[in-house]
Amino acid sequence: MKKILFAIVAVFFIACGGDKLVKFEYEKGNKELFEKANNLIKEKYPNYNLYSWKSLENISSIQEAKYKMNTIEDNISDQEYCENNEEHYCNYILLEKNRRYRLIEVKCSKAYSYTNPFGVKIESPDKCKIREIPILQK
């Protein structure tokens, strides 16, 4: 009887316990670029769940999670490295699939056009770059 009770309790903790992940939501920056970045992420990483990078604090299976969090906080506070305004969108996103995690950095810039000194009109479309940041899991 004790073994059965222990098994039930163990299953309960496995099913209900685990990492407390922070839902990924729009915070700041260009909303259109945010949506474009999300579509690119879903295309490149199908069937992954998207979470805020702040979830790193709650995931015990990622080695050096605190170091990664501090690095991300530094990058986000450096406005030249990670701009979030009407022209740019930058963020870090934690991806999860079957309790395996990936960390990515997304940087997007809005389309622009200008005329160079020679009178040639230069146009650039919206650009989004996704870069995977290596993480180790236990």
N, C-alpha and C. Protein backbone atom coordinates (compact mmCIF):
# COMPACT_ATOMS: atom_id res chain seq x y z
N MET A 1 0.81 -1.19 0.00
CA MET A 1 0.00 0.00 0.00
C MET A 1 0.87 1.27 0.00
N LYS A 2 1.95 1.24 0.78
CA LYS A 2 2.83 2.39 0.83
C LYS A 2 3.45 2.66 -0.54
N LYS A 3 3.79 1.60 -1.25
CA LYS A 3 4.40 1.75 -2.58
C LYS A 3 3.42 2.40 -3.55
N ILE A 4 2.18 2.00 -3.49
CA ILE A 4 1.17 2.58 -4.37
C ILE A 4 0.96 4.06 -4.04
N LEU A 5 0.87 4.36 -2.76
CA LEU A 5 0.70 5.75 -2.33
C LEU A 5 1.90 6.60 -2.76
N PHE A 6 3.10 6.07 -2.58
CA PHE A 6 4.31 6.77 -3.00
C PHE A 6 4.30 7.01 -4.51
N ALA A 7 3.90 6.02 -5.29
CA ALA A 7 3.84 6.16 -6.75
C ALA A 7 2.86 7.24 -7.15
N ILE A 8 1.71 7.30 -6.47
CA ILE A 8 0.71 8.33 -6.78
C ILE A 8 1.25 9.72 -6.47
N VAL A 9 1.89 9.86 -5.32
CA VAL A 9 2.48 11.15 -4.94
C VAL A 9 3.57 11.55 -5.92
N ALA A 10 4.42 10.60 -6.34
CA ALA A 10 5.50 10.89 -7.29
C ALA A 10 4.93 11.35 -8.63
N VAL A 11 3.90 10.68 -9.11
CA VAL A 11 3.28 11.07 -10.38
C VAL A 11 2.67 12.46 -10.25
N PHE A 12 2.04 12.75 -9.12
CA PHE A 12 1.46 14.07 -8.90
C PHE A 12 2.52 15.16 -8.97
N PHE A 13 3.67 14.95 -8.33
CA PHE A 13 4.73 15.96 -8.35
C PHE A 13 5.33 16.11 -9.74
N ILE A 14 5.46 15.05 -10.46
CA ILE A 14 6.00 15.13 -11.83
C ILE A 14 5.02 15.88 -12.72
N ALA A 15 3.73 15.57 -12.59
CA ALA A 15 2.73 16.20 -13.46
C ALA A 15 2.49 17.66 -13.09
N CYS A 16 2.48 17.97 -11.80
CA CYS A 16 2.14 19.32 -11.37
C CYS A 16 3.36 20.18 -11.07
N GLY A 17 4.44 19.54 -10.76
CA GLY A 17 5.64 20.30 -10.41
C GLY A 17 6.34 20.77 -11.65
N GLY A 18 7.61 21.02 -11.51
CA GLY A 18 8.38 21.41 -12.67
C GLY A 18 8.68 22.89 -12.67
N ASP A 19 9.15 23.33 -13.79
CA ASP A 19 9.60 24.71 -13.92
C ASP A 19 8.41 25.65 -14.07
N LYS A 20 8.51 26.80 -13.41
CA LYS A 20 7.48 27.83 -13.53
C LYS A 20 7.95 28.81 -14.59
N LEU A 21 7.33 28.73 -15.76
CA LEU A 21 7.76 29.53 -16.89
C LEU A 21 6.88 30.77 -17.04
N VAL A 22 7.52 31.87 -17.43
CA VAL A 22 6.84 33.15 -17.61
C VAL A 22 6.38 33.24 -19.07
N LYS A 23 5.09 33.46 -19.26
CA LYS A 23 4.53 33.55 -20.60
C LYS A 23 5.19 34.67 -21.39
N PHE A 24 5.47 34.42 -22.66
CA PHE A 24 6.08 35.42 -23.53
C PHE A 24 5.00 36.34 -24.08
N GLU A 25 5.16 37.63 -23.83
CA GLU A 25 4.20 38.62 -24.31
C GLU A 25 4.94 39.86 -24.81
N TYR A 26 4.23 40.65 -25.58
CA TYR A 26 4.77 41.92 -26.07
C TYR A 26 5.02 42.85 -24.89
N GLU A 27 6.21 43.46 -24.85
CA GLU A 27 6.54 44.40 -23.77
C GLU A 27 6.73 45.81 -24.31
N LYS A 28 7.65 45.95 -25.24
CA LYS A 28 7.89 47.27 -25.82
C LYS A 28 8.59 47.12 -27.16
N GLY A 29 8.69 48.24 -27.88
CA GLY A 29 9.26 48.21 -29.22
C GLY A 29 8.16 48.28 -30.26
N ASN A 30 8.51 48.06 -31.49
CA ASN A 30 7.57 48.13 -32.59
C ASN A 30 6.69 46.88 -32.61
N LYS A 31 5.39 47.05 -32.46
CA LYS A 31 4.44 45.92 -32.39
C LYS A 31 4.43 45.11 -33.68
N GLU A 32 4.52 45.78 -34.84
CA GLU A 32 4.56 45.06 -36.12
C GLU A 32 5.78 44.17 -36.22
N LEU A 33 6.93 44.70 -35.80
CA LEU A 33 8.16 43.91 -35.83
C LEU A 33 8.09 42.75 -34.83
N PHE A 34 7.45 42.99 -33.69
CA PHE A 34 7.23 41.92 -32.71
C PHE A 34 6.46 40.77 -33.34
N GLU A 35 5.39 41.09 -34.04
CA GLU A 35 4.56 40.07 -34.68
C GLU A 35 5.32 39.38 -35.82
N LYS A 36 6.09 40.15 -36.58
CA LYS A 36 6.89 39.56 -37.66
C LYS A 36 7.93 38.60 -37.07
N ALA A 37 8.57 39.00 -35.99
CA ALA A 37 9.57 38.14 -35.33
C ALA A 37 8.92 36.86 -34.83
N ASN A 38 7.72 36.97 -34.22
CA ASN A 38 7.02 35.77 -33.73
C ASN A 38 6.71 34.81 -34.86
N ASN A 39 6.26 35.34 -36.00
CA ASN A 39 5.97 34.48 -37.15
C ASN A 39 7.22 33.78 -37.65
N LEU A 40 8.34 34.50 -37.69
CA LEU A 40 9.60 33.87 -38.12
C LEU A 40 10.05 32.79 -37.14
N ILE A 41 9.87 33.05 -35.86
CA ILE A 41 10.25 32.06 -34.84
C ILE A 41 9.39 30.81 -34.99
N LYS A 42 8.09 31.00 -35.14
CA LYS A 42 7.18 29.85 -35.28
C LYS A 42 7.48 29.06 -36.55
N GLU A 43 7.95 29.75 -37.58
CA GLU A 43 8.32 29.08 -38.83
C GLU A 43 9.62 28.29 -38.66
N LYS A 44 10.59 28.90 -38.01
CA LYS A 44 11.91 28.27 -37.84
C LYS A 44 11.90 27.20 -36.75
N TYR A 45 11.08 27.40 -35.71
CA TYR A 45 11.00 26.47 -34.58
C TYR A 45 9.54 26.02 -34.39
N PRO A 46 9.02 25.20 -35.31
CA PRO A 46 7.62 24.78 -35.18
C PRO A 46 7.42 23.92 -33.93
N ASN A 47 6.25 24.05 -33.36
CA ASN A 47 5.83 23.26 -32.19
C ASN A 47 6.60 23.58 -30.91
N TYR A 48 7.31 24.69 -30.87
CA TYR A 48 7.97 25.12 -29.65
C TYR A 48 7.05 26.10 -28.93
N ASN A 49 7.08 26.06 -27.62
CA ASN A 49 6.36 27.03 -26.80
C ASN A 49 7.30 28.20 -26.53
N LEU A 50 6.78 29.41 -26.58
CA LEU A 50 7.58 30.61 -26.37
C LEU A 50 7.37 31.15 -24.96
N TYR A 51 8.50 31.40 -24.28
CA TYR A 51 8.46 31.95 -22.93
C TYR A 51 9.43 33.11 -22.83
N SER A 52 9.20 33.95 -21.85
CA SER A 52 10.09 35.07 -21.59
C SER A 52 11.45 34.55 -21.13
N TRP A 53 12.49 35.29 -21.46
CA TRP A 53 13.83 34.93 -21.01
C TRP A 53 13.91 34.97 -19.48
N LYS A 54 12.99 35.67 -18.85
CA LYS A 54 12.97 35.75 -17.39
C LYS A 54 12.66 34.40 -16.75
N SER A 55 12.17 33.45 -17.54
CA SER A 55 11.91 32.10 -17.06
C SER A 55 13.19 31.37 -16.68
N LEU A 56 14.32 31.83 -17.19
CA LEU A 56 15.60 31.18 -16.87
C LEU A 56 15.80 31.05 -15.36
N GLU A 57 15.29 32.03 -14.63
CA GLU A 57 15.44 32.04 -13.18
C GLU A 57 14.80 30.81 -12.53
N ASN A 58 13.78 30.25 -13.17
CA ASN A 58 13.01 29.16 -12.57
C ASN A 58 13.34 27.79 -13.15
N ILE A 59 14.34 27.69 -14.01
CA ILE A 59 14.64 26.41 -14.65
C ILE A 59 15.93 25.86 -14.07
N SER A 60 15.78 24.84 -13.27
CA SER A 60 16.94 24.26 -12.59
C SER A 60 17.78 23.39 -13.52
N SER A 61 17.23 22.95 -14.63
CA SER A 61 17.97 22.05 -15.52
C SER A 61 18.94 22.77 -16.47
N ILE A 62 18.91 24.11 -16.49
CA ILE A 62 19.83 24.86 -17.36
C ILE A 62 21.04 25.29 -16.54
N GLN A 63 22.20 24.86 -17.01
CA GLN A 63 23.43 25.22 -16.31
C GLN A 63 23.74 26.70 -16.54
N GLU A 64 24.22 27.34 -15.51
CA GLU A 64 24.60 28.76 -15.54
C GLU A 64 23.44 29.67 -15.98
N ALA A 65 22.23 29.33 -15.56
CA ALA A 65 21.05 30.12 -15.92
C ALA A 65 21.16 31.55 -15.38
N LYS A 66 21.65 31.69 -14.16
CA LYS A 66 21.78 33.03 -13.55
C LYS A 66 22.76 33.89 -14.36
N TYR A 67 23.86 33.29 -14.81
CA TYR A 67 24.84 34.02 -15.64
C TYR A 67 24.19 34.48 -16.95
N LYS A 68 23.41 33.60 -17.58
CA LYS A 68 22.72 33.96 -18.83
C LYS A 68 21.74 35.11 -18.58
N MET A 69 21.02 35.04 -17.47
CA MET A 69 20.07 36.12 -17.13
C MET A 69 20.78 37.45 -16.97
N ASN A 70 21.89 37.44 -16.25
CA ASN A 70 22.65 38.68 -16.03
C ASN A 70 23.17 39.25 -17.35
N THR A 71 23.64 38.39 -18.24
CA THR A 71 24.12 38.82 -19.55
C THR A 71 22.99 39.45 -20.36
N ILE A 72 21.83 38.82 -20.35
CA ILE A 72 20.68 39.34 -21.08
C ILE A 72 20.24 40.68 -20.50
N GLU A 73 20.18 40.78 -19.18
CA GLU A 73 19.80 42.05 -18.55
C GLU A 73 20.76 43.17 -18.94
N ASP A 74 22.06 42.86 -18.98
CA ASP A 74 23.05 43.85 -19.41
C ASP A 74 22.81 44.28 -20.86
N ASN A 75 22.56 43.31 -21.74
CA ASN A 75 22.33 43.62 -23.15
C ASN A 75 21.07 44.45 -23.35
N ILE A 76 20.03 44.12 -22.63
CA ILE A 76 18.77 44.86 -22.77
C ILE A 76 18.91 46.28 -22.24
N SER A 77 19.66 46.45 -21.17
CA SER A 77 19.85 47.80 -20.63
C SER A 77 20.77 48.65 -21.50
N ASP A 78 21.59 48.03 -22.34
CA ASP A 78 22.46 48.74 -23.27
C ASP A 78 21.64 49.12 -24.51
N GLN A 79 21.12 50.33 -24.53
CA GLN A 79 20.22 50.76 -25.60
C GLN A 79 20.84 50.71 -26.99
N GLU A 80 22.15 50.79 -27.08
CA GLU A 80 22.78 50.70 -28.40
C GLU A 80 22.81 49.26 -28.90
N TYR A 81 22.86 48.30 -27.99
CA TYR A 81 22.90 46.89 -28.39
C TYR A 81 21.51 46.35 -28.65
N CYS A 82 20.57 46.70 -27.80
CA CYS A 82 19.22 46.15 -27.89
C CYS A 82 18.21 47.29 -27.88
N GLU A 83 17.95 47.86 -29.05
CA GLU A 83 17.02 48.98 -29.15
C GLU A 83 15.58 48.48 -29.22
N ASN A 84 14.70 49.13 -28.49
CA ASN A 84 13.28 48.86 -28.54
C ASN A 84 12.55 50.20 -28.65
N ASN A 85 12.17 50.53 -29.87
CA ASN A 85 11.44 51.77 -30.12
C ASN A 85 10.57 51.56 -31.35
N GLU A 86 10.11 52.62 -31.97
CA GLU A 86 9.24 52.48 -33.14
C GLU A 86 9.98 51.94 -34.38
N GLU A 87 11.28 52.05 -34.39
CA GLU A 87 12.08 51.59 -35.54
C GLU A 87 12.69 50.21 -35.33
N HIS A 88 12.75 49.75 -34.07
CA HIS A 88 13.45 48.50 -33.76
C HIS A 88 12.68 47.65 -32.75
N TYR A 89 12.96 46.36 -32.83
CA TYR A 89 12.46 45.42 -31.82
C TYR A 89 13.59 44.46 -31.50
N CYS A 90 13.83 44.27 -30.22
CA CYS A 90 14.89 43.37 -29.77
C CYS A 90 14.39 42.63 -28.53
N ASN A 91 14.64 41.32 -28.49
CA ASN A 91 14.23 40.57 -27.31
C ASN A 91 14.95 39.23 -27.28
N TYR A 92 14.88 38.61 -26.12
CA TYR A 92 15.40 37.26 -25.91
C TYR A 92 14.21 36.39 -25.57
N ILE A 93 14.18 35.19 -26.14
CA ILE A 93 13.02 34.33 -25.97
C ILE A 93 13.51 32.92 -25.64
N LEU A 94 12.85 32.33 -24.68
CA LEU A 94 13.14 30.96 -24.30
C LEU A 94 12.14 30.06 -25.00
N LEU A 95 12.63 29.08 -25.72
CA LEU A 95 11.77 28.14 -26.42
C LEU A 95 11.79 26.82 -25.68
N GLU A 96 10.64 26.15 -25.63
CA GLU A 96 10.54 24.87 -24.93
C GLU A 96 9.76 23.88 -25.77
N LYS A 97 10.29 22.67 -25.83
CA LYS A 97 9.59 21.58 -26.52
C LYS A 97 10.02 20.30 -25.81
N ASN A 98 9.07 19.60 -25.25
CA ASN A 98 9.33 18.35 -24.53
C ASN A 98 10.36 18.53 -23.42
N ARG A 99 10.24 19.63 -22.68
CA ARG A 99 11.12 19.97 -21.55
C ARG A 99 12.58 20.14 -21.96
N ARG A 100 12.81 20.41 -23.23
CA ARG A 100 14.13 20.78 -23.74
C ARG A 100 14.03 22.24 -24.12
N TYR A 101 15.08 22.99 -23.84
CA TYR A 101 15.03 24.43 -24.00
C TYR A 101 16.06 24.94 -25.01
N ARG A 102 15.67 26.04 -25.65
CA ARG A 102 16.57 26.80 -26.52
C ARG A 102 16.39 28.27 -26.16
N LEU A 103 17.47 29.02 -26.27
CA LEU A 103 17.42 30.46 -26.00
C LEU A 103 17.80 31.17 -27.28
N ILE A 104 16.97 32.13 -27.70
CA ILE A 104 17.26 32.87 -28.92
C ILE A 104 17.22 34.36 -28.66
N GLU A 105 17.95 35.07 -29.51
CA GLU A 105 17.93 36.53 -29.52
C GLU A 105 17.30 36.95 -30.84
N VAL A 106 16.38 37.89 -30.78
CA VAL A 106 15.71 38.39 -31.98
C VAL A 106 15.97 39.89 -32.08
N LYS A 107 16.42 40.32 -33.26
CA LYS A 107 16.62 41.75 -33.53
C LYS A 107 15.97 42.07 -34.86
N CYS A 108 15.10 43.07 -34.84
CA CYS A 108 14.40 43.48 -36.06
C CYS A 108 14.53 44.98 -36.25
N SER A 109 14.59 45.38 -37.51
CA SER A 109 14.62 46.80 -37.87
C SER A 109 13.54 47.05 -38.91
N LYS A 110 12.89 48.19 -38.77
CA LYS A 110 11.83 48.57 -39.69
C LYS A 110 12.43 49.01 -41.04
N ALA A 111 11.64 48.85 -42.08
CA ALA A 111 12.06 49.28 -43.42
C ALA A 111 12.36 50.77 -43.42
N TYR A 112 13.31 51.16 -44.23
CA TYR A 112 13.63 52.58 -44.36
C TYR A 112 14.09 52.86 -45.79
N SER A 113 14.05 54.14 -46.12
CA SER A 113 14.57 54.57 -47.42
C SER A 113 15.19 55.95 -47.25
N TYR A 114 16.19 56.21 -48.07
CA TYR A 114 16.84 57.53 -48.06
C TYR A 114 17.53 57.73 -49.40
N THR A 115 17.89 58.96 -49.66
CA THR A 115 18.61 59.28 -50.89
C THR A 115 20.05 59.58 -50.50
N ASN A 116 20.97 58.85 -51.13
CA ASN A 116 22.38 59.06 -50.79
C ASN A 116 22.90 60.35 -51.44
N PRO A 117 24.13 60.76 -51.14
CA PRO A 117 24.67 62.02 -51.68
C PRO A 117 24.72 62.09 -53.21
N PHE A 118 24.64 60.95 -53.87
CA PHE A 118 24.69 60.93 -55.34
C PHE A 118 23.31 60.95 -55.96
N GLY A 119 22.27 61.09 -55.12
CA GLY A 119 20.91 61.17 -55.62
C GLY A 119 20.25 59.82 -55.86
N VAL A 120 20.87 58.75 -55.42
CA VAL A 120 20.29 57.41 -55.60
C VAL A 120 19.44 57.07 -54.38
N LYS A 121 18.20 56.67 -54.63
CA LYS A 121 17.32 56.31 -53.53
C LYS A 121 17.65 54.89 -53.08
N ILE A 122 17.91 54.74 -51.80
CA ILE A 122 18.24 53.46 -51.20
C ILE A 122 17.05 53.02 -50.35
N GLU A 123 16.58 51.80 -50.58
CA GLU A 123 15.47 51.27 -49.79
C GLU A 123 15.89 49.96 -49.15
N SER A 124 15.49 49.79 -47.92
CA SER A 124 15.78 48.57 -47.18
C SER A 124 14.47 48.04 -46.59
N PRO A 125 14.16 46.77 -46.80
CA PRO A 125 12.92 46.21 -46.23
C PRO A 125 13.08 45.93 -44.73
N ASP A 126 11.98 45.55 -44.08
CA ASP A 126 12.07 45.10 -42.69
C ASP A 126 13.08 43.97 -42.62
N LYS A 127 13.88 43.97 -41.57
CA LYS A 127 14.88 42.91 -41.39
C LYS A 127 14.73 42.33 -40.00
N CYS A 128 14.76 41.01 -39.91
CA CYS A 128 14.76 40.33 -38.62
C CYS A 128 15.85 39.27 -38.63
N LYS A 129 16.62 39.26 -37.56
CA LYS A 129 17.66 38.24 -37.39
C LYS A 129 17.35 37.45 -36.13
N ILE A 130 17.47 36.15 -36.24
CA ILE A 130 17.30 35.27 -35.09
C ILE A 130 18.63 34.56 -34.87
N ARG A 131 19.11 34.66 -33.64
CA ARG A 131 20.39 34.03 -33.30
C ARG A 131 20.16 33.13 -32.09
N GLU A 132 20.61 31.89 -32.22
CA GLU A 132 20.47 30.97 -31.09
C GLU A 132 21.66 31.15 -30.15
N ILE A 133 21.37 31.21 -28.87
CA ILE A 133 22.39 31.34 -27.84
C ILE A 133 22.56 29.98 -27.19
N PRO A 134 23.76 29.44 -27.22
CA PRO A 134 23.96 28.09 -26.67
C PRO A 134 23.68 28.03 -25.16
N ILE A 135 22.94 27.02 -24.76
CA ILE A 135 22.72 26.75 -23.34
C ILE A 135 22.93 25.26 -23.09
N LEU A 136 23.37 24.93 -21.91
CA LEU A 136 23.57 23.53 -21.53
C LEU A 136 22.51 23.13 -20.53
N GLN A 137 21.96 21.94 -20.75
CA GLN A 137 20.98 21.41 -19.83
C GLN A 137 21.55 20.20 -19.13
N LYS A 138 21.19 20.05 -17.87
CA LYS A 138 21.63 18.90 -17.07
C LYS A 138 20.91 17.66 -17.48
